[in-house]
Amino acid sequence: MGITIHYQGKIKSPQLLPQLIEEVRDIAEENKWKYHIFESELPEEGFDKDSFEDELYGITFTPPECEMVDFTFLSSGKLCSVVGKIYFEDEQNDIFIEWNSVKTQYAGPQIHIILVHLLEHIATKYLTDFKVIDEGEYWETRDEKLLGKKFDFLTGILRSMESNLEMIPKKPDEDLVEYIKRIMENVHKNKD
């Protein structure tokens, strides 16, 4: 649970990958964000194919209090989630591989805004078939107040849930699903 940006696309050509990596690395270093570079040259023979090889190409970085941001690609040129690749590598072309997601809930609205602008810049310069689903709706609206309200609302829900989990014990005969339902009912009741 938390505000997340989902994105997918494809690099325009294999020759652009080293430049993309260099630009993202420079941004990560300037902001003192940890980063990791995978393979830096896409093979041309596998580019634009439906299947892909085992290697990952590109770069990831991690802003503070944020999930890892992937600009990593399959040999086909499609953006690929590192986590999706690890857990779903046997299911080629699976939605979990081709959609990348980064939760920004704990990083806050400013990091969310920075990432949206960075995604837009990288997509314009290096990517094609780029799609974004922004749970904070900033991608679509550029409305910082709306984004702030969404962060505040969800932060309140998360805090309420945490508080309820600490204050309301699980009954001995209660299964986990029923316990969570009871907690969520209490969260909802307290929200109103």
C-alpha atoms as a PDB file:
ATOM      1  CA  MET A   1       0.000   0.000   0.000  1.00  0.00           C
ATOM      2  CA  GLY A   2       1.335   3.409  -0.928  1.00  0.00           C
ATOM      3  CA  ILE A   3       1.513   5.831  -3.818  1.00  0.00           C
ATOM      4  CA  THR A   4       3.310   4.198  -6.714  1.00  0.00           C
ATOM      5  CA  ILE A   5       4.345   5.140 -10.245  1.00  0.00           C
ATOM      6  CA  HIS A   6       4.064   2.337 -12.814  1.00  0.00           C
ATOM      7  CA  TYR A   7       5.769   2.686 -16.199  1.00  0.00           C
ATOM      8  CA  GLN A   8       6.682   0.698 -19.273  1.00  0.00           C
ATOM      9  CA  GLY A   9       8.286   1.306 -22.634  1.00  0.00           C
ATOM     10  CA  LYS A  10      11.133   0.413 -24.904  1.00  0.00           C
ATOM     11  CA  ILE A  11      14.475   1.981 -25.731  1.00  0.00           C
ATOM     12  CA  LYS A  12      14.491   3.539 -29.221  1.00  0.00           C
ATOM     13  CA  SER A  13      17.699   1.830 -30.289  1.00  0.00           C
ATOM     14  CA  PRO A  14      20.468  -0.270 -28.693  1.00  0.00           C
ATOM     15  CA  GLN A  15      22.995   2.495 -29.402  1.00  0.00           C
ATOM     16  CA  LEU A  16      21.224   4.865 -26.960  1.00  0.00           C
ATOM     17  CA  LEU A  17      21.757   2.691 -23.876  1.00  0.00           C
ATOM     18  CA  PRO A  18      25.284   3.885 -22.925  1.00  0.00           C
ATOM     19  CA  GLN A  19      24.156   7.524 -23.149  1.00  0.00           C
ATOM     20  CA  LEU A  20      21.038   6.815 -21.052  1.00  0.00           C
ATOM     21  CA  ILE A  21      23.149   5.051 -18.414  1.00  0.00           C
ATOM     22  CA  GLU A  22      25.650   7.910 -18.308  1.00  0.00           C
ATOM     23  CA  GLU A  23      22.943  10.538 -17.920  1.00  0.00           C
ATOM     24  CA  VAL A  24      21.087   8.648 -15.181  1.00  0.00           C
ATOM     25  CA  ARG A  25      24.369   7.855 -13.376  1.00  0.00           C
ATOM     26  CA  ASP A  26      25.277  11.562 -13.400  1.00  0.00           C
ATOM     27  CA  ILE A  27      21.876  12.448 -11.910  1.00  0.00           C
ATOM     28  CA  ALA A  28      22.234   9.743  -9.241  1.00  0.00           C
ATOM     29  CA  GLU A  29      25.755  10.880  -8.326  1.00  0.00           C
ATOM     30  CA  GLU A  30      24.724  14.541  -8.196  1.00  0.00           C
ATOM     31  CA  ASN A  31      21.915  13.657  -5.779  1.00  0.00           C
ATOM     32  CA  LYS A  32      24.063  11.159  -3.827  1.00  0.00           C
ATOM     33  CA  TRP A  33      21.658   8.321  -4.665  1.00  0.00           C
ATOM     34  CA  LYS A  34      22.958   4.776  -4.696  1.00  0.00           C
ATOM     35  CA  TYR A  35      22.959   3.211  -8.142  1.00  0.00           C
ATOM     36  CA  HIS A  36      23.900  -0.008  -9.907  1.00  0.00           C
ATOM     37  CA  ILE A  37      24.851  -0.484 -13.534  1.00  0.00           C
ATOM     38  CA  PHE A  38      24.086  -3.794 -15.247  1.00  0.00           C
ATOM     39  CA  GLU A  39      25.349  -4.612 -18.745  1.00  0.00           C
ATOM     40  CA  SER A  40      25.812  -1.375 -20.680  1.00  0.00           C
ATOM     41  CA  GLU A  41      25.552  -2.515 -24.297  1.00  0.00           C
ATOM     42  CA  LEU A  42      22.425  -4.099 -25.749  1.00  0.00           C
ATOM     43  CA  PRO A  43      23.024  -6.812 -28.336  1.00  0.00           C
ATOM     44  CA  GLU A  44      21.627  -5.800 -31.723  1.00  0.00           C
ATOM     45  CA  GLU A  45      20.708  -9.354 -32.769  1.00  0.00           C
ATOM     46  CA  GLY A  46      18.052  -9.771 -30.036  1.00  0.00           C
ATOM     47  CA  PHE A  47      16.647  -6.254 -30.262  1.00  0.00           C
ATOM     48  CA  ASP A  48      12.962  -6.032 -31.279  1.00  0.00           C
ATOM     49  CA  LYS A  49      12.346  -9.750 -30.722  1.00  0.00           C
ATOM     50  CA  ASP A  50       9.471 -11.083 -28.620  1.00  0.00           C
ATOM     51  CA  SER A  51      11.772 -13.311 -26.594  1.00  0.00           C
ATOM     52  CA  PHE A  52      14.766 -12.199 -24.559  1.00  0.00           C
ATOM     53  CA  GLU A  53      18.050 -13.422 -23.111  1.00  0.00           C
ATOM     54  CA  ASP A  54      18.919 -13.743 -19.424  1.00  0.00           C
ATOM     55  CA  GLU A  55      21.015 -10.574 -19.070  1.00  0.00           C
ATOM     56  CA  LEU A  56      19.744  -7.232 -17.791  1.00  0.00           C
ATOM     57  CA  TYR A  57      20.983  -4.006 -19.363  1.00  0.00           C
ATOM     58  CA  GLY A  58      20.852  -0.516 -17.896  1.00  0.00           C
ATOM     59  CA  ILE A  59      20.888   1.177 -14.524  1.00  0.00           C
ATOM     60  CA  THR A  60      18.917   1.363 -11.279  1.00  0.00           C
ATOM     61  CA  PHE A  61      19.086   3.981  -8.549  1.00  0.00           C
ATOM     62  CA  THR A  62      17.469   4.531  -5.178  1.00  0.00           C
ATOM     63  CA  PRO A  63      16.424   7.945  -3.836  1.00  0.00           C
ATOM     64  CA  PRO A  64      16.143   8.187  -0.032  1.00  0.00           C
ATOM     65  CA  GLU A  65      13.111   6.446   1.520  1.00  0.00           C
ATOM     66  CA  CYS A  66      12.093   5.289  -1.965  1.00  0.00           C
ATOM     67  CA  GLU A  67      11.997   2.010  -3.808  1.00  0.00           C
ATOM     68  CA  MET A  68      14.564   1.313  -6.506  1.00  0.00           C
ATOM     69  CA  VAL A  69      13.966   3.063  -9.835  1.00  0.00           C
ATOM     70  CA  ASP A  70      14.734   0.825 -12.819  1.00  0.00           C
ATOM     71  CA  PHE A  71      15.938   1.931 -16.218  1.00  0.00           C
ATOM     72  CA  THR A  72      16.798  -1.659 -16.997  1.00  0.00           C
ATOM     73  CA  PHE A  73      16.066  -3.460 -20.231  1.00  0.00           C
ATOM     74  CA  LEU A  74      15.714  -6.923 -21.677  1.00  0.00           C
ATOM     75  CA  SER A  75      17.750  -7.856 -24.767  1.00  0.00           C
ATOM     76  CA  SER A  76      14.559  -7.098 -26.758  1.00  0.00           C
ATOM     77  CA  GLY A  77      14.877  -3.443 -25.696  1.00  0.00           C
ATOM     78  CA  LYS A  78      11.808  -3.451 -23.447  1.00  0.00           C
ATOM     79  CA  LEU A  79      12.022  -1.847 -20.025  1.00  0.00           C
ATOM     80  CA  CYS A  80      12.157  -4.530 -17.384  1.00  0.00           C
ATOM     81  CA  SER A  81      11.626  -4.523 -13.655  1.00  0.00           C
ATOM     82  CA  VAL A  82      14.635  -6.031 -11.879  1.00  0.00           C
ATOM     83  CA  VAL A  83      12.351  -7.614  -9.295  1.00  0.00           C
ATOM     84  CA  GLY A  84       9.988  -8.837 -12.023  1.00  0.00           C
ATOM     85  CA  LYS A  85      12.875 -10.373 -13.940  1.00  0.00           C
ATOM     86  CA  ILE A  86      14.100 -12.220 -10.859  1.00  0.00           C
ATOM     87  CA  TYR A  87      10.714 -13.604  -9.812  1.00  0.00           C
ATOM     88  CA  PHE A  88       9.037 -14.099 -13.198  1.00  0.00           C
ATOM     89  CA  GLU A  89      11.933 -14.950 -15.525  1.00  0.00           C
ATOM     90  CA  ASP A  90      10.341 -18.256 -16.541  1.00  0.00           C
ATOM     91  CA  GLU A  91       7.248 -16.436 -17.853  1.00  0.00           C
ATOM     92  CA  GLN A  92       8.634 -14.398 -20.769  1.00  0.00           C
ATOM     93  CA  ASN A  93       6.555 -11.319 -21.708  1.00  0.00           C
ATOM     94  CA  ASP A  94       4.734 -11.470 -18.379  1.00  0.00           C
ATOM     95  CA  ILE A  95       3.135  -8.207 -17.203  1.00  0.00           C
ATOM     96  CA  PHE A  96       5.268  -8.338 -14.045  1.00  0.00           C
ATOM     97  CA  ILE A  97       8.429  -8.140 -16.119  1.00  0.00           C
ATOM     98  CA  GLU A  98       7.396  -5.385 -18.521  1.00  0.00           C
ATOM     99  CA  TRP A  99       5.819  -2.969 -16.027  1.00  0.00           C
ATOM    100  CA  ASN A 100       8.193  -1.207 -13.669  1.00  0.00           C
ATOM    101  CA  SER A 101       6.899   0.201 -10.403  1.00  0.00           C
ATOM    102  CA  VAL A 102       8.391   2.540  -7.846  1.00  0.00           C
ATOM    103  CA  LYS A 103       6.644   3.264  -4.554  1.00  0.00           C
ATOM    104  CA  THR A 104       7.245   6.862  -3.489  1.00  0.00           C
ATOM    105  CA  GLN A 105       4.921   6.918  -0.451  1.00  0.00           C
ATOM    106  CA  TYR A 106       7.689   7.088   2.134  1.00  0.00           C
ATOM    107  CA  ALA A 107       9.942   9.346   0.047  1.00  0.00           C
ATOM    108  CA  GLY A 108       7.259  12.039  -0.134  1.00  0.00           C
ATOM    109  CA  PRO A 109       5.756  14.305  -2.782  1.00  0.00           C
ATOM    110  CA  GLN A 110       8.994  16.101  -3.718  1.00  0.00           C
ATOM    111  CA  ILE A 111      10.775  12.885  -4.705  1.00  0.00           C
ATOM    112  CA  HIS A 112       7.609  11.798  -6.533  1.00  0.00           C
ATOM    113  CA  ILE A 113       7.650  15.036  -8.531  1.00  0.00           C
ATOM    114  CA  ILE A 114      11.358  14.701  -9.323  1.00  0.00           C
ATOM    115  CA  LEU A 115      10.839  11.132 -10.536  1.00  0.00           C
ATOM    116  CA  VAL A 116       7.899  12.088 -12.752  1.00  0.00           C
ATOM    117  CA  HIS A 117       9.973  14.819 -14.409  1.00  0.00           C
ATOM    118  CA  LEU A 118      12.923  12.448 -14.776  1.00  0.00           C
ATOM    119  CA  LEU A 119      10.692   9.772 -16.330  1.00  0.00           C
ATOM    120  CA  GLU A 120       9.334  12.343 -18.762  1.00  0.00           C
ATOM    121  CA  HIS A 121      12.834  13.489 -19.723  1.00  0.00           C
ATOM    122  CA  ILE A 122      14.200   9.954 -20.185  1.00  0.00           C
ATOM    123  CA  ALA A 123      11.097   8.853 -22.100  1.00  0.00           C
ATOM    124  CA  THR A 124      11.233  11.813 -24.474  1.00  0.00           C
ATOM    125  CA  LYS A 125      14.922  11.400 -25.191  1.00  0.00           C
ATOM    126  CA  TYR A 126      15.441   7.628 -25.161  1.00  0.00           C
ATOM    127  CA  LEU A 127      12.188   5.653 -25.121  1.00  0.00           C
ATOM    128  CA  THR A 128       9.245   4.740 -27.301  1.00  0.00           C
ATOM    129  CA  ASP A 129       5.825   3.228 -26.528  1.00  0.00           C
ATOM    130  CA  PHE A 130       6.107   4.815 -23.088  1.00  0.00           C
ATOM    131  CA  LYS A 131       3.152   4.540 -20.709  1.00  0.00           C
ATOM    132  CA  VAL A 132       2.720   5.730 -17.127  1.00  0.00           C
ATOM    133  CA  ILE A 133       0.137   5.023 -14.458  1.00  0.00           C
ATOM    134  CA  ASP A 134       0.705   7.476 -11.610  1.00  0.00           C
ATOM    135  CA  GLU A 135      -1.334   6.723  -8.507  1.00  0.00           C
ATOM    136  CA  GLY A 136      -0.567  10.250  -7.312  1.00  0.00           C
ATOM    137  CA  GLU A 137      -2.021  11.643 -10.578  1.00  0.00           C
ATOM    138  CA  TYR A 138       0.875  14.090 -10.882  1.00  0.00           C
ATOM    139  CA  TRP A 139       1.923  12.694 -14.290  1.00  0.00           C
ATOM    140  CA  GLU A 140      -1.470  13.601 -15.724  1.00  0.00           C
ATOM    141  CA  THR A 141      -2.268  16.822 -13.848  1.00  0.00           C
ATOM    142  CA  ARG A 142       1.019  18.394 -12.647  1.00  0.00           C
ATOM    143  CA  ASP A 143      -1.073  19.442  -9.658  1.00  0.00           C
ATOM    144  CA  GLU A 144       1.207  19.532  -6.590  1.00  0.00           C
ATOM    145  CA  LYS A 145      -1.712  20.233  -4.227  1.00  0.00           C
ATOM    146  CA  LEU A 146      -3.625  17.168  -5.429  1.00  0.00           C
ATOM    147  CA  LEU A 147      -0.477  15.057  -5.057  1.00  0.00           C
ATOM    148  CA  GLY A 148       0.051  16.419  -1.520  1.00  0.00           C
ATOM    149  CA  LYS A 149      -3.547  15.571  -0.577  1.00  0.00           C
ATOM    150  CA  LYS A 150      -3.128  12.020  -1.866  1.00  0.00           C
ATOM    151  CA  PHE A 151       0.090  11.595   0.125  1.00  0.00           C
ATOM    152  CA  ASP A 152      -1.506  13.022   3.276  1.00  0.00           C
ATOM    153  CA  PHE A 153      -4.601  10.824   2.924  1.00  0.00           C
ATOM    154  CA  LEU A 154      -2.645   7.618   2.428  1.00  0.00           C
ATOM    155  CA  THR A 155      -0.147   8.490   5.178  1.00  0.00           C
ATOM    156  CA  GLY A 156      -3.120   8.916   7.532  1.00  0.00           C
ATOM    157  CA  ILE A 157      -4.544   5.536   6.525  1.00  0.00           C
ATOM    158  CA  LEU A 158      -1.157   3.835   7.008  1.00  0.00           C
ATOM    159  CA  ARG A 159      -0.660   5.434  10.434  1.00  0.00           C
ATOM    160  CA  SER A 160      -4.168   4.479  11.474  1.00  0.00           C
ATOM    161  CA  MET A 161      -3.626   0.907  10.348  1.00  0.00           C
ATOM    162  CA  GLU A 162      -0.313   0.726  12.208  1.00  0.00           C
ATOM    163  CA  SER A 163      -1.938   2.101  15.346  1.00  0.00           C
ATOM    164  CA  ASN A 164      -4.841  -0.356  15.068  1.00  0.00           C
ATOM    165  CA  LEU A 165      -2.465  -3.283  14.627  1.00  0.00           C
ATOM    166  CA  GLU A 166      -0.671  -2.268  17.810  1.00  0.00           C
ATOM    167  CA  MET A 167      -3.857  -1.652  19.831  1.00  0.00           C
ATOM    168  CA  ILE A 168      -6.173  -4.416  18.641  1.00  0.00           C
ATOM    169  CA  PRO A 169      -4.897  -7.928  19.329  1.00  0.00           C
ATOM    170  CA  LYS A 170      -5.809 -10.895  17.177  1.00  0.00           C
ATOM    171  CA  LYS A 171      -8.404 -13.125  18.829  1.00  0.00           C
ATOM    172  CA  PRO A 172      -7.223 -16.681  19.522  1.00  0.00           C
ATOM    173  CA  ASP A 173      -9.797 -18.297  17.205  1.00  0.00           C
ATOM    174  CA  GLU A 174      -9.653 -15.579  14.522  1.00  0.00           C
ATOM    175  CA  ASP A 175      -8.019 -16.366  11.194  1.00  0.00           C
ATOM    176  CA  LEU A 176      -5.719 -13.794   9.614  1.00  0.00           C
ATOM    177  CA  VAL A 177      -8.211 -12.667   6.942  1.00  0.00           C
ATOM    178  CA  GLU A 178     -10.908 -11.977   9.535  1.00  0.00           C
ATOM    179  CA  TYR A 179      -8.398 -10.127  11.719  1.00  0.00           C
ATOM    180  CA  ILE A 180      -7.330  -7.880   8.859  1.00  0.00           C
ATOM    181  CA  LYS A 181     -10.977  -7.230   7.917  1.00  0.00           C
ATOM    182  CA  ARG A 182     -11.683  -6.220  11.515  1.00  0.00           C
ATOM    183  CA  ILE A 183      -8.659  -3.899  11.531  1.00  0.00           C
ATOM    184  CA  MET A 184      -9.684  -2.327   8.203  1.00  0.00           C
ATOM    185  CA  GLU A 185     -13.253  -1.800   9.427  1.00  0.00           C
ATOM    186  CA  ASN A 186     -11.851   0.027  12.448  1.00  0.00           C
ATOM    187  CA  VAL A 187      -9.527   2.108  10.231  1.00  0.00           C
ATOM    188  CA  HIS A 188     -12.469   3.019   7.995  1.00  0.00           C
ATOM    189  CA  LYS A 189     -14.688   3.852  10.979  1.00  0.00           C
ATOM    190  CA  ASN A 190     -11.973   6.112  12.478  1.00  0.00           C
ATOM    191  CA  LYS A 191     -11.351   7.803   9.119  1.00  0.00           C
ATOM    192  CA  ASP A 192     -14.951   9.064   9.019  1.00  0.00           C
END
